[in-house]
């Protein structure tokens, strides 16, 4: 019996990029005014924490949104973390300006991280529960504190990065916010 010729395996299609992706400290690229926006807040720990932002960007890039990513490839951990340091000052003000204006703040607190700045940022926006969604997996060293704050201020809290991505998509696709 003759064997059937095999068809070449089809390559998965790359998902289209509808999102505008802006990485710190870019102040020149602008977001289309019709786009909803998301800021990727959370664990970076001077570049030591896993690059979860890439996974989130890949998952969201098919949506017509603007993604603001504070994780930069050219970050230099030797920069003095003082307001007098121009690079450091530019990074912090870029983040604060974006946090204040985006539609959704996605915050991921990685289990292996400490994330003191992320906790500070969470505190800044606890009174805006419609704008922030938090992912805090088991193993994060202050998970209990995060759970209590989320409960008290009615913040959406999920326990994995995948659930955080889904919750963020739902928020971004809502038109009544």
Protein backbone atom coordinates (compact mmCIF):
# COMPACT_ATOMS: atom_id res chain seq x y z
CA UNK A 1 0.00 0.00 0.00
CA UNK A 2 1.41 3.34 -1.01
CA UNK A 3 1.81 5.84 1.76
CA UNK A 4 0.13 9.19 1.50
CA UNK A 5 2.44 12.09 0.94
CA UNK A 6 2.82 14.01 4.16
CA UNK A 7 1.76 17.61 4.27
CA UNK A 8 4.29 20.01 5.69
CA UNK A 9 3.34 21.07 9.19
CA UNK A 10 1.68 24.43 9.13
CA UNK A 11 3.44 27.10 11.07
CA UNK A 12 1.39 28.85 13.72
CA UNK A 13 0.55 32.34 12.62
CA UNK A 14 2.06 35.08 14.66
CA UNK A 15 -0.64 37.03 16.39
CA UNK A 16 -1.01 40.49 14.92
CA UNK A 17 0.16 43.41 16.93
CA UNK A 18 -2.65 45.90 17.33
CA UNK A 19 -1.21 47.30 20.53
CA UNK A 20 1.04 50.30 20.80
CA UNK A 21 3.86 49.29 23.14
CA UNK A 22 5.74 52.07 24.90
CA UNK A 23 8.77 51.27 27.05
CA UNK A 24 10.27 53.61 29.65
CA UNK A 25 11.48 56.28 29.37
CA UNK A 26 9.97 56.92 25.90
CA UNK A 27 8.07 60.22 25.97
CA UNK A 28 7.97 60.67 22.18
CA UNK A 29 5.74 57.76 21.10
CA UNK A 30 2.12 58.67 21.50
CA UNK A 31 -0.88 56.50 22.15
CA UNK A 32 -3.75 56.58 19.68
CA UNK A 33 -6.50 58.54 21.50
CA UNK A 34 -9.08 55.79 20.94
CA UNK A 35 -6.87 53.16 22.63
CA UNK A 36 -7.51 52.09 26.19
CA UNK A 37 -4.27 51.77 28.12
CA UNK A 38 -2.54 49.53 30.66
CA UNK A 39 0.53 50.03 32.83
CA UNK A 40 2.58 46.95 33.72
CA UNK A 41 3.30 47.62 37.39
CA UNK A 42 4.98 45.10 39.60
CA UNK A 43 8.12 43.16 40.31
CA UNK A 44 11.28 44.18 38.51
CA UNK A 45 13.70 44.35 41.46
CA UNK A 46 16.48 46.10 39.55
CA UNK A 47 16.08 43.63 36.69
CA UNK A 48 16.47 40.54 38.91
CA UNK A 49 12.79 39.45 38.87
CA UNK A 50 11.67 37.30 35.94
CA UNK A 51 10.61 39.24 32.84
CA UNK A 52 6.88 38.57 33.25
CA UNK A 53 6.19 41.78 31.31
CA UNK A 54 7.15 40.03 28.05
CA UNK A 55 4.55 37.32 28.64
CA UNK A 56 1.87 39.92 29.39
CA UNK A 57 2.80 42.00 26.33
CA UNK A 58 2.61 38.91 24.11
CA UNK A 59 -0.80 37.99 25.55
CA UNK A 60 -2.24 41.51 25.13
CA UNK A 61 -0.61 42.68 21.89
CA UNK A 62 -3.55 41.62 19.73
CA UNK A 63 -5.85 44.13 21.45
CA UNK A 64 -6.19 47.73 20.23
CA UNK A 65 -4.60 49.13 23.39
CA UNK A 66 -1.52 50.96 24.57
CA UNK A 67 0.83 49.05 26.87
CA UNK A 68 3.21 51.03 29.07
CA UNK A 69 6.14 48.91 30.21
CA UNK A 70 8.53 50.35 32.81
CA UNK A 71 11.04 47.49 32.41
CA UNK A 72 13.85 48.74 30.23
CA UNK A 73 16.72 46.82 28.71
CA UNK A 74 19.17 49.66 29.27
CA UNK A 75 18.53 49.96 33.03
CA UNK A 76 21.78 50.34 34.93
CA UNK A 77 21.51 49.13 38.53
CA UNK A 78 24.57 51.22 39.44
CA UNK A 79 22.60 54.44 38.92
CA UNK A 80 22.30 56.20 42.23
CA UNK A 81 18.68 56.08 43.34
CA UNK A 82 18.45 59.73 44.27
CA UNK A 83 16.23 62.49 42.89
CA UNK A 84 19.41 64.29 41.81
CA UNK A 85 20.25 61.46 39.35
CA UNK A 86 18.70 62.47 36.01
CA UNK A 87 18.23 58.91 34.68
CA UNK A 88 16.64 57.70 37.90
CA UNK A 89 14.44 60.81 38.18
CA UNK A 90 13.29 60.40 34.56
CA UNK A 91 12.36 56.74 35.15
CA UNK A 92 10.37 57.42 38.32
CA UNK A 93 8.49 60.41 36.90
CA UNK A 94 7.74 58.50 33.67
CA UNK A 95 6.20 55.70 35.75
CA UNK A 96 4.17 58.03 37.98
CA UNK A 97 2.83 60.01 35.01
CA UNK A 98 1.68 56.80 33.29
CA UNK A 99 0.21 55.30 36.46
CA UNK A 100 -1.89 58.43 36.93
CA UNK A 101 -3.37 58.39 33.44
CA UNK A 102 -3.86 54.77 32.29
CA UNK A 103 -7.20 53.00 32.22
CA UNK A 104 -5.90 49.84 33.93
CA UNK A 105 -2.99 49.22 36.27
CA UNK A 106 -1.93 45.57 36.04
CA UNK A 107 0.23 44.76 39.07
CA UNK A 108 2.12 41.50 39.41
CA UNK A 109 3.97 40.69 42.63
CA UNK A 110 6.29 37.82 41.77
CA UNK A 111 6.80 35.23 44.53
CA UNK A 112 10.60 35.45 44.41
CA UNK A 113 10.64 39.24 44.72
CA UNK A 114 10.41 41.85 47.45
CA UNK A 115 8.95 44.62 45.25
CA UNK A 116 8.96 47.52 47.73
CA UNK A 117 8.27 50.11 45.02
CA UNK A 118 5.36 48.05 43.69
CA UNK A 119 3.85 47.93 47.17
CA UNK A 120 4.23 51.70 47.40
CA UNK A 121 2.52 52.09 44.01
CA UNK A 122 -0.27 49.75 45.11
CA UNK A 123 -0.82 52.01 48.11
CA UNK A 124 -1.06 55.06 45.88
CA UNK A 125 -3.95 53.57 43.91
CA UNK A 126 -5.92 51.55 46.48
CA UNK A 127 -8.71 54.13 46.40
CA UNK A 128 -9.22 53.50 42.67
CA UNK A 129 -10.46 49.88 42.58
CA UNK A 130 -11.84 50.17 39.04
CA UNK A 131 -8.36 50.89 37.71
CA UNK A 132 -6.14 48.33 39.45
CA UNK A 133 -6.01 44.54 39.26
CA UNK A 134 -3.39 42.68 41.28
CA UNK A 135 -1.75 39.31 40.81
CA UNK A 136 -0.14 38.00 43.98
CA UNK A 137 0.73 34.29 43.86
CA UNK A 138 1.35 32.16 46.90
CA UNK A 139 4.93 32.64 48.03
CA UNK A 140 5.03 36.45 47.83
CA UNK A 141 6.53 37.44 51.17
CA UNK A 142 3.81 40.00 52.02
CA UNK A 143 0.87 38.20 50.42
CA UNK A 144 -1.22 38.44 53.60
CA UNK A 145 -0.83 42.21 53.67
CA UNK A 146 -1.79 42.43 50.01
CA UNK A 147 -4.85 40.22 50.60
CA UNK A 148 -6.07 42.36 53.51
CA UNK A 149 -5.57 45.65 51.62
CA UNK A 150 -7.33 44.21 48.56
CA UNK A 151 -10.26 43.05 50.69
CA UNK A 152 -10.58 46.35 52.57
CA UNK A 153 -10.46 48.52 49.43
CA UNK A 154 -12.37 46.12 47.11
CA UNK A 155 -9.42 45.56 44.78
CA UNK A 156 -9.49 42.64 42.38
CA UNK A 157 -6.87 40.13 43.46
CA UNK A 158 -5.92 36.95 41.62
CA UNK A 159 -3.32 34.31 42.42
CA UNK A 160 -1.47 33.78 39.13
CA UNK A 161 -0.06 35.67 36.18
CA UNK A 162 -2.41 33.87 33.77
CA UNK A 163 -5.47 34.90 35.78
CA UNK A 164 -4.10 38.45 35.98
CA UNK A 165 -3.81 38.59 32.19
CA UNK A 166 -7.42 37.39 31.79
CA UNK A 167 -8.75 39.85 34.37
CA UNK A 168 -6.86 42.67 32.66
CA UNK A 169 -8.27 41.73 29.24
CA UNK A 170 -11.78 41.87 30.69
CA UNK A 171 -11.14 45.32 32.13
CA UNK A 172 -9.62 46.62 28.91
CA UNK A 173 -12.53 45.36 26.83
CA UNK A 174 -15.18 46.95 29.07
CA UNK A 175 -16.57 50.08 27.53
CA UNK A 176 -18.43 51.41 30.56
CA UNK A 177 -15.46 52.28 32.76
